[in-house]
Amino acid sequence: MPSAPKKPAPQQSGLEEVERAISVLGGRHPEHERTRRETAAAVDARRQEIEKELAVSRRKRLRRLAVIVANMVAVGLAGYVASRFFSRTSAIRDALARDEALFVTHGYTEIASNEITARTTLEKDAPESSCFVAIATRGPLHVRAGTVTAEAAHSVGWCQCEPSHVTLETTAAPGPAPGLALLRIDSRAVGGALARSWFTVSAEKWADTSASCAEAMLDVWIGDGHVPKPLPRDGSLDAIAGGKILHANGFDLVAQLADEHPFAFVDSRAGDCAIAISPGGAMSLRTTGGERVIHSAQQSMAWCSSSALPLTVWRDAGSSAPIIVATAHADRVGGLLGTTESAREAGLKLTPETTWLRPGDGAWEASAILRASKLDASTGDAVSAEPGAPDPRVTALVYGAATRLKWAPDGTAVVCDPPLAASSAFAESVCNAISPVAWWRDGDAPAYAAHAALPFWLSTLDGHHEPDAMARIPELLALARTLARRGFEPTVLEGVTELPTGVRVVGRAGEDAVVAVGLAPRPPWVIPYTDADAWELGEPPRVVELQPGSSVTLTSSPPPSTTVDKRRTVVFRRVSHL
């Protein structure tokens, strides 16, 4: 393979020849000038490179300086902004903390605020079953929460059952950024809107929320024991008209309704009967769930229950009249019948519409009536829809407005006190029949009965079938209830001497007063004795003070027509410590 042709040697330029000639003439190496020229050219080239590098380096330094300056400016600006931000946030937080302090110390918790944003609008999804307080450190404050809309200078409160979207807005005048906050507390801790008057702290404006769960909020609050404790028992009733009579009948003050509250909680024990009294305005009785079992009662109302109930007594809207509530045990007063009798003695008026018996307590009520009448009562029971076996005992009946009570044999004479009658609500009667009868009801309306044999102190009238003698027995039982409420017990024989004109009674140890009634086997059957004005059954009895060991002679007008050996005197004696 042929070899590649050699490149021709470069021809010497004219410059190189001149430089060579100069070098020879100067007595130097022939290449000296060329070397000097190349060295000078290299130095110049390097100088230009260095100048370029210096220019680049200078530009870099300028850029770095510019960046540093820019960063310093940015940091300074950020510091300034941060300083302003933290200053503003701190000012809002301090203002909110000041306005929230009282609410927080009473259980409220802040769930939203504008301390970070400093905006004049705050929005928050709020939970259910809650009470809220919205705060603006500078108002006015506008609140929207579901169906709630309200405006106030600084704070708004409300309660809601369902979750809601809350919007707070303030239109404060120019100045420091206003604080906005939303605080919450569980409704069961404060009782919701119905217990608002008991809130330890309250917002400046309250938004009226007639929420569907308001009654449930109140019931939970009462059930949890948050309701303010009522007065201790044995409070004084002397300040009200008829109060001394009620106290003598076994009633104790248990609740008072202060002016600022709409209702009073009643400390009602199992087996209690109660009377609520108001000198003006109307009131109602509420049970669990918000049911008003007595509506708009004027002056007084009464109720009984065999079990403890969380009851509340309410003023009617717009009323500010004071209300007091007194209770006594049903076995002492004689159930709702005896409570009504006590109210009448105290000058109070009760009607069937202003009395209430807990549903299902009819049998218990019938037994309580007989026990307070000083009889050994049977356990009450529902009256059958068909006649059963005839019963010779005294019967207490409790029946409703629609009840049709009957007895078999239907021709048997029966006397009741109070008389059997249709009622707009329910009624009670104590009945005695001339011979054994079977009580039954015609229809579906319920009725209840309890029975008791005649006691020893009524044995004189036992076996007499005359209608007027039979009628005296319910009247005497009513007298026994009246006196039993005042602490009297019936006695016979001991400390009693029958006299032609009456009876002599000797006081016994531990007793301080007596009421005496003679029983005869023929008309007038009952002889009320007295040391002063005469009295009759159905009237206030004559109470005679009698100390132990002393004696008193009591007479009747006209004098007894029955001989001493045919009469028996019942002496009701009062234990002195009652």
Protein backbone atom coordinates (compact mmCIF):
# COMPACT_ATOMS: atom_id res chain seq x y z
CA MET A 1 0.00 0.00 0.00
CA PRO A 2 1.64 3.35 -1.03
CA SER A 3 2.68 5.69 1.82
CA ALA A 4 0.98 9.04 2.34
CA PRO A 5 2.77 12.02 0.75
CA LYS A 6 4.78 14.20 3.17
CA LYS A 7 3.49 17.62 4.01
CA PRO A 8 5.59 20.38 2.56
CA ALA A 9 7.68 22.24 5.10
CA PRO A 10 6.21 25.59 6.01
CA GLN A 11 7.79 28.42 4.26
CA GLN A 12 9.52 30.95 6.42
CA SER A 13 7.58 34.14 6.64
CA GLY A 14 9.11 37.52 5.90
CA LEU A 15 8.73 38.56 9.58
CA GLU A 16 10.80 35.65 10.75
CA GLU A 17 13.55 36.54 8.22
CA VAL A 18 13.63 40.10 9.41
CA GLU A 19 13.78 38.97 13.05
CA ARG A 20 16.59 36.57 12.22
CA ALA A 21 18.58 39.25 10.44
CA ILE A 22 18.15 41.66 13.37
CA SER A 23 19.28 38.99 15.82
CA VAL A 24 22.49 38.25 13.72
CA LEU A 25 23.33 41.91 13.29
CA GLY A 26 22.96 42.42 17.01
CA GLY A 27 25.32 39.55 17.72
CA ARG A 28 22.60 37.45 19.35
CA HIS A 29 21.14 34.08 18.68
CA PRO A 30 19.34 34.03 15.38
CA GLU A 31 16.04 33.08 17.19
CA HIS A 32 16.30 35.78 19.89
CA GLU A 33 13.94 38.32 18.35
CA ARG A 34 11.38 35.77 17.53
CA THR A 35 11.45 34.40 21.08
CA ARG A 36 11.22 37.91 22.50
CA ARG A 37 8.23 38.63 20.30
CA GLU A 38 6.45 35.43 21.24
CA THR A 39 7.15 36.04 24.95
CA ALA A 40 5.72 39.55 24.69
CA ALA A 41 2.69 38.22 22.86
CA ALA A 42 2.16 35.54 25.53
CA VAL A 43 2.45 38.10 28.32
CA ASP A 44 -0.07 40.32 26.62
CA ALA A 45 -2.45 37.42 26.10
CA ARG A 46 -2.11 36.42 29.76
CA ARG A 47 -2.72 39.99 30.84
CA GLN A 48 -5.90 40.07 28.85
CA GLU A 49 -7.01 36.77 30.40
CA ILE A 50 -6.30 38.07 33.89
CA GLU A 51 -8.27 41.23 33.19
CA LYS A 52 -11.18 39.11 32.01
CA GLU A 53 -10.95 36.92 35.15
CA LEU A 54 -10.82 39.97 37.36
CA ALA A 55 -13.85 41.43 35.62
CA VAL A 56 -15.78 38.17 36.11
CA SER A 57 -14.69 38.00 39.77
CA ARG A 58 -15.74 41.60 40.30
CA ARG A 59 -19.14 40.91 38.83
CA LYS A 60 -19.51 37.87 41.11
CA ARG A 61 -18.56 39.92 44.14
CA LEU A 62 -21.08 42.56 43.18
CA ARG A 63 -23.75 39.93 42.72
CA ARG A 64 -22.91 38.36 46.10
CA LEU A 65 -23.01 41.75 47.74
CA ALA A 66 -26.32 42.48 46.08
CA VAL A 67 -27.70 39.14 47.33
CA ILE A 68 -26.37 39.79 50.83
CA VAL A 69 -27.85 43.26 50.83
CA ALA A 70 -31.14 41.93 49.47
CA ASN A 71 -31.17 39.19 52.11
CA MET A 72 -30.41 41.68 54.84
CA VAL A 73 -33.23 43.86 53.61
CA ALA A 74 -35.54 40.85 53.42
CA VAL A 75 -34.58 39.69 56.91
CA GLY A 76 -35.08 43.16 58.27
CA LEU A 77 -38.41 43.45 56.54
CA ALA A 78 -39.45 40.00 57.74
CA GLY A 79 -38.37 40.88 61.25
CA TYR A 80 -40.39 44.04 61.08
CA VAL A 81 -43.41 42.17 59.73
CA ALA A 82 -42.97 39.41 62.31
CA SER A 83 -42.64 41.98 65.04
CA ARG A 84 -45.84 43.64 63.90
CA PHE A 85 -47.56 40.24 63.55
CA PHE A 86 -46.60 39.01 67.00
CA SER A 87 -47.44 42.36 68.50
CA ARG A 88 -50.90 42.29 66.90
CA THR A 89 -51.48 38.63 67.83
CA SER A 90 -50.37 39.25 71.39
CA ALA A 91 -52.67 42.26 71.67
CA ILE A 92 -55.67 40.25 70.39
CA ARG A 93 -54.87 37.31 72.67
CA ASP A 94 -54.51 39.55 75.71
CA ALA A 95 -57.80 41.27 74.96
CA LEU A 96 -59.59 37.95 74.41
CA ALA A 97 -58.06 36.42 77.54
CA ARG A 98 -59.35 39.35 79.56
CA ASP A 99 -62.88 39.07 78.19
CA GLU A 100 -62.95 35.26 78.29
CA ALA A 101 -61.54 34.85 81.79
CA LEU A 102 -64.82 34.75 83.70
CA PHE A 103 -66.36 32.25 81.28
CA VAL A 104 -63.30 30.01 81.24
CA THR A 105 -63.19 29.81 85.02
CA HIS A 106 -66.78 28.54 84.94
CA GLY A 107 -66.16 25.70 82.51
CA TYR A 108 -66.32 27.27 79.05
CA THR A 109 -63.65 26.35 76.48
CA GLU A 110 -62.55 28.46 73.53
CA ILE A 111 -63.06 26.53 70.29
CA ALA A 112 -62.12 29.27 67.76
CA SER A 113 -60.59 32.75 67.63
CA ASN A 114 -59.17 35.25 65.13
CA GLU A 115 -55.92 35.89 67.01
CA ILE A 116 -53.85 34.58 64.05
CA THR A 117 -55.81 36.05 61.15
CA ALA A 118 -57.00 39.23 62.90
CA ARG A 119 -59.91 39.21 60.50
CA THR A 120 -63.18 40.84 61.42
CA THR A 121 -65.07 37.65 60.53
CA LEU A 122 -64.74 34.25 62.23
CA GLU A 123 -66.38 31.02 61.09
CA LYS A 124 -66.58 27.68 62.89
CA ASP A 125 -68.55 24.43 62.68
CA ALA A 126 -69.96 24.05 66.18
CA PRO A 127 -70.95 20.74 67.84
CA GLU A 128 -74.39 19.63 69.03
CA SER A 129 -75.94 19.79 72.51
CA SER A 130 -73.93 22.83 73.48
CA CYS A 131 -74.25 26.30 74.88
CA PHE A 132 -72.07 29.02 73.38
CA VAL A 133 -70.77 32.48 74.12
CA ALA A 134 -69.46 34.64 71.25
CA ILE A 135 -67.15 37.51 72.21
CA ALA A 136 -65.90 40.58 70.37
CA THR A 137 -63.30 42.65 72.19
CA ARG A 138 -64.53 45.63 70.17
CA GLY A 139 -68.06 45.58 68.85
CA PRO A 140 -70.69 45.63 67.70
CA LEU A 141 -70.86 41.84 67.35
CA HIS A 142 -73.11 40.05 64.86
CA VAL A 143 -73.83 36.33 65.29
CA ARG A 144 -75.36 33.82 62.89
CA ALA A 145 -75.67 30.18 63.97
CA GLY A 146 -78.25 28.06 62.19
CA THR A 147 -81.57 29.72 62.94
CA VAL A 148 -79.99 32.00 65.55
CA THR A 149 -79.26 35.61 64.68
CA ALA A 150 -78.30 38.15 67.30
CA GLU A 151 -76.37 41.36 67.81
CA ALA A 152 -74.79 42.88 70.90
CA ALA A 153 -72.07 45.32 71.84
CA HIS A 154 -69.60 42.67 73.02
CA SER A 155 -71.04 39.17 73.74
CA VAL A 156 -73.92 36.90 72.72
CA GLY A 157 -74.98 33.60 74.30
CA TRP A 158 -77.21 30.79 73.03
CA CYS A 159 -77.80 27.02 73.23
CA GLN A 160 -78.39 24.63 70.34
CA CYS A 161 -79.33 20.98 69.96
CA GLU A 162 -77.98 20.26 66.48
CA PRO A 163 -74.55 20.97 64.97
CA SER A 164 -74.41 24.37 63.29
CA HIS A 165 -72.14 26.63 61.28
CA VAL A 166 -71.36 29.73 63.31
CA THR A 167 -70.34 33.06 61.80
CA LEU A 168 -69.14 35.92 63.98
CA GLU A 169 -68.56 39.37 62.56
CA THR A 170 -67.60 42.66 64.09
CA THR A 171 -67.96 46.09 62.52
CA ALA A 172 -65.69 47.83 64.98
CA ALA A 173 -64.52 51.36 64.21
CA PRO A 174 -60.96 51.85 62.92
CA GLY A 175 -58.34 51.15 65.56
CA PRO A 176 -56.57 48.14 67.04
CA ALA A 177 -57.60 44.83 65.49
CA PRO A 178 -60.70 43.52 67.35
CA GLY A 179 -60.62 40.02 68.86
CA LEU A 180 -63.30 37.45 68.04
CA ALA A 181 -63.78 34.19 69.91
CA LEU A 182 -66.32 31.39 70.24
CA LEU A 183 -66.58 29.57 73.58
CA ARG A 184 -68.50 26.36 74.32
CA ILE A 185 -69.79 24.37 77.30
CA ASP A 186 -71.73 21.11 77.31
CA SER A 187 -75.43 21.85 77.70
CA ARG A 188 -75.84 19.21 80.41
CA ALA A 189 -73.44 21.18 82.62
CA VAL A 190 -75.67 24.28 82.62
CA GLY A 191 -79.15 22.95 81.84
CA GLY A 192 -79.58 24.59 78.47
CA ALA A 193 -81.77 27.56 77.71
CA LEU A 194 -84.47 26.69 80.28
CA ALA A 195 -82.00 26.90 83.17
CA ARG A 196 -80.35 30.08 81.92
CA SER A 197 -81.27 32.11 85.00
CA TRP A 198 -79.00 29.81 87.01
CA PHE A 199 -75.97 30.40 84.76
CA THR A 200 -73.16 31.61 87.01
CA VAL A 201 -71.98 33.84 84.19
CA SER A 202 -74.01 35.05 81.25
CA ALA A 203 -73.43 36.86 78.01
CA GLU A 204 -74.47 40.47 77.53
CA LYS A 205 -77.24 39.36 75.13
CA TRP A 206 -79.05 36.02 75.15
CA ALA A 207 -80.43 34.67 71.87
CA ASP A 208 -83.77 32.96 72.50
CA THR A 209 -83.53 29.40 71.18
CA SER A 210 -86.71 27.41 71.62
CA ALA A 211 -84.85 24.28 70.68
CA SER A 212 -86.47 20.88 70.48
CA CYS A 213 -83.96 19.41 72.92
CA ALA A 214 -84.24 22.18 75.53
CA GLU A 215 -86.43 19.99 77.74
CA ALA A 216 -83.97 17.11 77.46
CA MET A 217 -81.07 19.46 78.34
CA LEU A 218 -82.91 20.51 81.47
CA ASP A 219 -83.75 16.94 82.50
CA VAL A 220 -80.13 15.82 82.17
CA TRP A 221 -78.98 18.84 84.20
CA ILE A 222 -81.46 17.98 86.95
CA GLY A 223 -80.62 14.26 86.77
CA ASP A 224 -76.89 14.99 87.09
CA GLY A 225 -77.52 16.85 90.33
CA HIS A 226 -76.56 20.29 88.99
CA VAL A 227 -79.84 21.88 90.01
CA PRO A 228 -79.40 24.22 92.99
CA LYS A 229 -80.25 22.49 96.23
CA PRO A 230 -83.65 23.42 97.65
CA LEU A 231 -84.20 24.70 101.16
CA PRO A 232 -83.73 22.27 104.01
CA ARG A 233 -86.88 20.70 105.31
CA ASP A 234 -88.66 22.09 108.37
CA GLY A 235 -88.43 25.61 106.98
CA SER A 236 -90.85 28.13 108.37
CA LEU A 237 -94.30 28.42 106.83
CA ASP A 238 -95.39 31.15 109.23
CA ALA A 239 -94.86 33.94 106.71
CA ILE A 240 -97.75 32.88 104.48
CA ALA A 241 -101.48 32.87 105.10
CA GLY A 242 -102.53 29.44 106.32
CA GLY A 243 -98.89 28.41 106.78
CA LYS A 244 -99.24 27.62 110.48
CA ILE A 245 -102.17 25.31 109.75
CA LEU A 246 -100.21 23.51 107.04
CA HIS A 247 -97.23 23.09 109.36
CA ALA A 248 -99.51 21.72 112.09
CA ASN A 249 -100.81 19.23 109.52
CA GLY A 250 -97.31 17.89 108.87
CA PHE A 251 -96.18 20.05 105.95
CA ASP A 252 -92.62 21.40 105.77
CA LEU A 253 -91.30 24.10 103.47
CA VAL A 254 -89.03 22.51 100.84
CA ALA A 255 -88.74 25.07 98.04
CA GLN A 256 -89.12 28.77 97.31
CA LEU A 257 -89.09 30.47 93.95
CA ALA A 258 -86.89 33.56 93.85
CA ASP A 259 -87.74 36.51 91.65
CA GLU A 260 -84.99 35.95 89.08
CA HIS A 261 -85.85 32.32 88.32
CA PRO A 262 -88.72 30.90 86.24
CA PHE A 263 -89.06 27.64 88.18
CA ALA A 264 -88.25 25.93 91.47
CA PHE A 265 -87.00 22.37 91.88
CA VAL A 266 -89.00 20.33 94.40
CA ASP A 267 -87.20 17.89 96.67
CA SER A 268 -90.03 15.37 96.53
CA ARG A 269 -89.38 12.10 98.35
CA ALA A 270 -91.10 8.80 97.67
CA GLY A 271 -94.56 8.86 99.24
CA ASP A 272 -94.75 12.64 99.52
CA CYS A 273 -97.69 14.91 98.89
CA ALA A 274 -97.06 18.57 98.11
CA ILE A 275 -98.82 21.92 97.99
CA ALA A 276 -97.53 24.84 95.93
CA ILE A 277 -98.80 28.29 96.88
CA SER A 278 -98.54 31.60 95.06
CA PRO A 279 -100.29 34.80 96.21
CA GLY A 280 -100.59 36.10 92.66
CA GLY A 281 -100.10 34.95 89.09
CA ALA A 282 -100.41 31.43 87.77
CA MET A 283 -98.11 28.42 87.95
CA SER A 284 -97.72 24.96 86.49
CA LEU A 285 -96.18 21.60 87.41
CA ARG A 286 -93.60 20.00 85.10
CA THR A 287 -92.41 16.39 85.05
CA THR A 288 -89.59 14.73 83.14
CA GLY A 289 -89.76 15.31 79.39
CA GLY A 290 -91.37 18.71 79.73
CA GLU A 291 -94.93 17.50 80.31
CA ARG A 292 -97.02 20.02 82.25
CA VAL A 293 -99.30 17.82 84.34
CA ILE A 294 -100.95 20.85 85.96
CA HIS A 295 -101.56 23.90 83.77
CA SER A 296 -101.98 27.47 84.93
CA ALA A 297 -103.12 26.90 88.51
CA GLN A 298 -104.16 30.02 90.39
CA GLN A 299 -103.10 30.50 94.04
CA SER A 300 -102.44 26.82 94.81
CA MET A 301 -101.99 23.35 93.38
CA ALA A 302 -101.26 19.94 94.92
CA TRP A 303 -99.91 16.54 93.93
CA CYS A 304 -98.80 13.18 95.37
CA SER A 305 -96.44 10.46 94.18
CA SER A 306 -95.46 7.07 95.55
CA SER A 307 -91.94 7.49 94.13
CA ALA A 308 -89.41 10.32 94.13
CA LEU A 309 -89.80 12.45 91.01
CA PRO A 310 -87.71 15.32 89.59
CA LEU A 311 -90.56 17.84 89.59
CA THR A 312 -90.36 21.57 88.93
CA VAL A 313 -92.90 24.32 89.66
CA TRP A 314 -93.01 27.08 87.03
CA ARG A 315 -94.40 30.57 86.97
CA ASP A 316 -96.56 31.38 84.00
CA ALA A 317 -94.89 33.67 81.47
CA GLY A 318 -94.80 37.24 82.64
CA SER A 319 -95.48 36.43 86.29
CA SER A 320 -93.07 37.45 89.04
CA ALA A 321 -95.16 36.31 92.01
CA PRO A 322 -93.28 34.31 94.67
CA ILE A 323 -94.06 30.61 95.04
CA ILE A 324 -93.46 28.28 97.96
CA VAL A 325 -93.76 24.50 98.05
CA ALA A 326 -94.45 22.41 101.16
CA THR A 327 -94.57 18.61 101.44
CA ALA A 328 -95.82 15.99 103.88
CA HIS A 329 -95.88 12.21 103.82
CA ALA A 330 -99.01 10.73 102.29
CA ASP A 331 -99.62 8.33 105.20
CA ARG A 332 -99.84 11.25 107.59
CA VAL A 333 -101.99 13.61 105.53
CA GLY A 334 -104.13 11.00 103.78
CA GLY A 335 -102.87 11.11 100.22
CA LEU A 336 -104.20 13.66 97.79
CA LEU A 337 -107.62 13.62 99.47
CA GLY A 338 -106.05 14.62 102.80
CA THR A 339 -103.84 17.19 101.05
CA THR A 340 -106.94 18.78 99.56
CA GLU A 341 -108.57 18.77 103.01
CA SER A 342 -105.46 20.40 104.50
CA ALA A 343 -105.51 23.10 101.82
CA ARG A 344 -109.15 23.82 102.57
CA GLU A 345 -108.37 24.11 106.31
CA ALA A 346 -105.62 26.61 105.43
CA GLY A 347 -107.99 28.71 103.33
CA LEU A 348 -106.63 27.53 99.98
CA LYS A 349 -108.74 26.48 97.04
CA LEU A 350 -107.95 23.37 95.01
CA THR A 351 -109.91 21.98 92.09
CA PRO A 352 -109.54 18.66 90.24
CA GLU A 353 -107.70 20.56 87.48
CA THR A 354 -105.14 21.87 89.96
CA THR A 355 -104.34 18.50 91.53
CA TRP A 356 -102.27 15.64 90.13
CA LEU A 357 -101.63 12.03 91.09
CA ARG A 358 -98.80 10.15 89.42
CA PRO A 359 -100.26 7.69 86.88
CA GLY A 360 -100.40 4.22 88.35
CA ASP A 361 -100.61 5.52 91.94
CA GLY A 362 -104.38 5.08 92.33
CA ALA A 363 -104.09 1.91 94.43
CA TRP A 364 -101.36 3.47 96.59
CA GLU A 365 -103.50 6.58 97.08
CA ALA A 366 -106.52 4.54 98.19
CA SER A 367 -104.44 2.76 100.86
CA ALA A 368 -102.90 6.04 102.05
CA ILE A 369 -106.35 7.53 102.58
CA LEU A 370 -107.39 4.67 104.85
CA ARG A 371 -104.12 4.58 106.78
CA ALA A 372 -104.41 8.29 107.53
CA SER A 373 -107.98 7.59 108.68
CA LYS A 374 -106.44 5.32 111.37
CA LEU A 375 -107.58 2.11 109.69
CA ASP A 376 -105.62 -1.05 108.97
CA ALA A 377 -105.85 -0.75 105.19
CA SER A 378 -105.39 -3.51 102.65
CA THR A 379 -103.05 -3.06 99.74
CA GLY A 380 -104.94 -1.17 97.07
CA ASP A 381 -105.81 -2.74 93.75
CA ALA A 382 -107.57 -1.97 90.50
CA VAL A 383 -111.36 -2.20 90.53
CA SER A 384 -112.54 -5.08 88.36
CA ALA A 385 -114.77 -4.69 85.33
CA GLU A 386 -117.11 -7.34 86.79
CA PRO A 387 -118.61 -7.65 90.28
CA GLY A 388 -116.75 -9.98 92.61
CA ALA A 389 -117.57 -11.28 96.07
CA PRO A 390 -119.31 -8.74 98.33
CA ASP A 391 -117.01 -7.13 100.93
CA PRO A 392 -118.29 -5.75 104.27
CA ARG A 393 -115.36 -3.39 104.83
CA VAL A 394 -115.00 0.35 104.44
CA THR A 395 -113.71 1.19 100.95
CA ALA A 396 -111.53 4.04 99.70
CA LEU A 397 -111.98 4.69 95.97
CA VAL A 398 -109.81 6.60 93.50
CA TYR A 399 -111.30 7.09 90.06
CA GLY A 400 -111.01 9.17 86.92
CA ALA A 401 -113.28 11.57 85.11
CA ALA A 402 -114.63 8.92 82.75
CA THR A 403 -115.01 6.17 85.35
CA ARG A 404 -118.49 4.78 86.00
CA LEU A 405 -118.39 3.09 89.40
CA LYS A 406 -121.10 0.62 90.42
CA TRP A 407 -121.70 -1.86 93.19
CA ALA A 408 -123.62 -5.07 93.61
CA PRO A 409 -126.19 -5.66 94.89
CA ASP A 410 -127.09 -2.36 93.25
CA GLY A 411 -129.99 -1.70 95.63
CA THR A 412 -127.73 -1.58 98.68
CA ALA A 413 -127.50 1.79 100.38
CA VAL A 414 -123.97 3.26 100.13
CA VAL A 415 -122.73 6.53 101.64
CA CYS A 416 -119.47 8.16 100.48
CA ASP A 417 -117.52 11.17 101.73
CA PRO A 418 -116.83 13.07 99.54
CA PRO A 419 -119.90 11.91 97.55
CA LEU A 420 -119.30 9.91 94.39
CA ALA A 421 -119.53 12.35 91.51
CA ALA A 422 -118.26 12.93 88.01
CA SER A 423 -115.03 14.89 87.99
CA SER A 424 -113.09 16.75 85.33
CA ALA A 425 -109.91 14.97 86.44
CA PHE A 426 -109.99 12.30 89.15
CA ALA A 427 -111.57 12.04 92.59
CA GLU A 428 -111.39 10.12 95.85
CA SER A 429 -114.08 8.96 98.22
CA VAL A 430 -114.36 6.90 101.41
CA CYS A 431 -117.49 4.74 101.24
CA ASN A 432 -119.50 2.65 103.70
CA ALA A 433 -122.34 0.35 102.74
CA ILE A 434 -125.31 -0.81 104.81
CA SER A 435 -124.33 -4.38 103.96
CA PRO A 436 -121.48 -6.06 102.03
CA VAL A 437 -121.12 -4.89 98.43
CA ALA A 438 -118.84 -5.69 95.48
CA TRP A 439 -117.42 -2.63 93.68
CA TRP A 440 -116.91 -2.77 89.91
CA ARG A 441 -116.48 -0.38 87.02
CA ASP A 442 -118.61 -0.09 83.90
CA GLY A 443 -116.29 0.70 80.99
CA ASP A 444 -112.56 0.91 80.37
CA ALA A 445 -111.73 3.92 82.54
CA PRO A 446 -109.65 2.75 85.50
CA ALA A 447 -110.54 2.91 89.18
CA TYR A 448 -108.72 1.72 92.30
CA ALA A 449 -109.85 0.60 95.74
CA ALA A 450 -108.50 -0.31 99.17
CA HIS A 451 -110.50 -1.85 102.02
CA ALA A 452 -110.34 -1.82 105.81
CA ALA A 453 -112.45 -3.23 108.64
CA LEU A 454 -113.94 -0.85 111.18
CA PRO A 455 -111.45 -0.24 114.04
CA PHE A 456 -112.07 -0.81 117.72
CA TRP A 457 -112.92 2.83 118.35
CA LEU A 458 -115.85 2.61 115.91
CA SER A 459 -117.17 -0.70 117.23
CA THR A 460 -120.23 1.02 118.78
CA LEU A 461 -121.56 1.73 115.28
CA ASP A 462 -120.53 -1.62 113.83
CA GLY A 463 -123.56 -3.72 112.91
CA HIS A 464 -126.00 -0.82 112.71
CA HIS A 465 -127.63 -0.71 109.31
CA GLU A 466 -129.62 2.45 109.69
CA PRO A 467 -128.73 4.82 106.84
CA ASP A 468 -128.00 7.76 109.15
CA ALA A 469 -125.72 5.63 111.37
CA MET A 470 -123.97 4.26 108.31
CA ALA A 471 -123.42 7.85 107.04
CA ARG A 472 -121.64 8.82 110.25
CA ILE A 473 -118.78 6.39 109.66
CA PRO A 474 -117.21 8.25 106.64
CA GLU A 475 -117.65 11.51 108.55
CA LEU A 476 -115.84 10.11 111.60
CA LEU A 477 -113.05 8.81 109.37
CA ALA A 478 -112.71 12.30 107.91
CA LEU A 479 -112.41 13.65 111.46
CA ALA A 480 -109.77 11.00 112.22
CA ARG A 481 -107.75 12.10 109.17
CA THR A 482 -107.98 15.74 110.23
CA LEU A 483 -106.79 14.98 113.74
CA ALA A 484 -104.15 12.45 112.65
CA ARG A 485 -102.49 15.15 110.54
CA ARG A 486 -102.14 17.19 113.73
CA GLY A 487 -100.66 14.33 115.72
CA PHE A 488 -103.76 12.96 117.46
CA GLU A 489 -104.43 9.25 118.01
CA PRO A 490 -107.84 7.71 118.85
CA THR A 491 -108.18 6.04 122.28
CA VAL A 492 -111.06 4.66 124.37
CA LEU A 493 -111.69 3.80 128.04
CA GLU A 494 -108.39 4.81 129.66
CA GLY A 495 -108.67 8.12 131.51
CA VAL A 496 -112.31 8.52 130.50
CA THR A 497 -115.36 8.66 132.79
CA GLU A 498 -118.82 8.83 131.26
CA LEU A 499 -121.09 11.40 132.93
CA PRO A 500 -124.83 11.99 132.52
CA THR A 501 -124.10 15.36 130.94
CA GLY A 502 -120.95 14.40 129.07
CA VAL A 503 -117.54 12.97 129.89
CA ARG A 504 -114.56 13.63 132.15
CA VAL A 505 -111.15 13.14 130.56
CA VAL A 506 -107.86 12.86 132.45
CA GLY A 507 -104.61 13.97 130.80
CA ARG A 508 -101.94 11.30 130.30
CA ALA A 509 -98.16 11.54 130.34
CA GLY A 510 -96.63 12.76 127.09
CA GLU A 511 -99.87 14.29 125.84
CA ASP A 512 -101.08 17.87 125.83
CA ALA A 513 -104.50 18.12 124.14
CA VAL A 514 -107.65 16.13 123.47
CA VAL A 515 -110.68 16.04 121.19
CA ALA A 516 -113.60 13.94 122.48
CA VAL A 517 -116.53 12.44 120.57
CA GLY A 518 -119.23 10.24 122.11
CA LEU A 519 -120.72 7.33 120.15
CA ALA A 520 -124.24 6.11 120.87
CA PRO A 521 -126.25 3.11 119.61
CA ARG A 522 -129.10 5.33 118.49
CA PRO A 523 -129.58 8.79 116.96
CA PRO A 524 -127.85 11.16 116.94
CA TRP A 525 -125.19 8.38 116.92
CA VAL A 526 -122.29 10.88 117.34
CA ILE A 527 -121.95 13.40 120.21
CA PRO A 528 -119.16 16.00 119.77
CA TYR A 529 -117.97 17.17 123.20
CA THR A 530 -116.66 20.62 124.05
CA ASP A 531 -115.65 22.92 126.89
CA ALA A 532 -116.85 25.98 124.99
CA ASP A 533 -118.82 26.46 121.76
CA ALA A 534 -120.57 23.44 120.29
CA TRP A 535 -119.32 21.91 117.03
CA GLU A 536 -120.48 19.27 114.56
CA LEU A 537 -118.80 16.72 112.33
CA GLY A 538 -117.54 18.45 109.24
CA GLU A 539 -116.67 21.58 111.24
CA PRO A 540 -113.31 22.37 112.89
CA PRO A 541 -113.19 20.19 116.04
CA ARG A 542 -112.83 21.67 119.50
CA VAL A 543 -109.27 21.03 120.69
CA VAL A 544 -108.98 21.18 124.49
CA GLU A 545 -105.57 21.72 126.06
CA LEU A 546 -104.98 19.13 128.79
CA GLN A 547 -101.80 18.59 130.76
CA PRO A 548 -100.81 15.19 132.22
CA GLY A 549 -102.64 14.47 135.49
CA SER A 550 -105.18 17.24 134.98
CA SER A 551 -108.80 16.57 134.10
CA VAL A 552 -111.50 18.37 132.17
CA THR A 553 -115.26 17.86 131.94
CA LEU A 554 -116.69 18.12 128.46
CA THR A 555 -120.35 18.37 127.57
CA SER A 556 -122.59 18.54 124.54
CA SER A 557 -125.53 20.71 123.57
CA PRO A 558 -128.08 19.32 123.83
CA PRO A 559 -126.94 16.89 126.54
CA PRO A 560 -126.61 13.20 125.59
CA SER A 561 -129.95 11.38 125.41
CA THR A 562 -128.32 7.97 125.75
CA THR A 563 -127.60 6.58 129.19
CA VAL A 564 -124.02 6.36 130.44
CA ASP A 565 -123.86 2.56 130.15
CA LYS A 566 -124.86 2.67 126.45
CA ARG A 567 -122.34 5.29 125.33
CA ARG A 568 -118.66 5.08 124.46
CA THR A 569 -116.38 8.07 124.13
CA VAL A 570 -113.52 8.20 121.64
CA VAL A 571 -110.78 10.52 122.86
CA PHE A 572 -108.23 11.70 120.29
CA ARG A 573 -105.06 12.53 122.23
CA ARG A 574 -102.15 14.60 120.92
CA VAL A 575 -98.58 13.61 121.72
CA SER A 576 -96.93 16.68 123.21
CA HIS A 577 -93.70 16.62 121.17
CA LEU A 578 -95.55 16.96 117.86
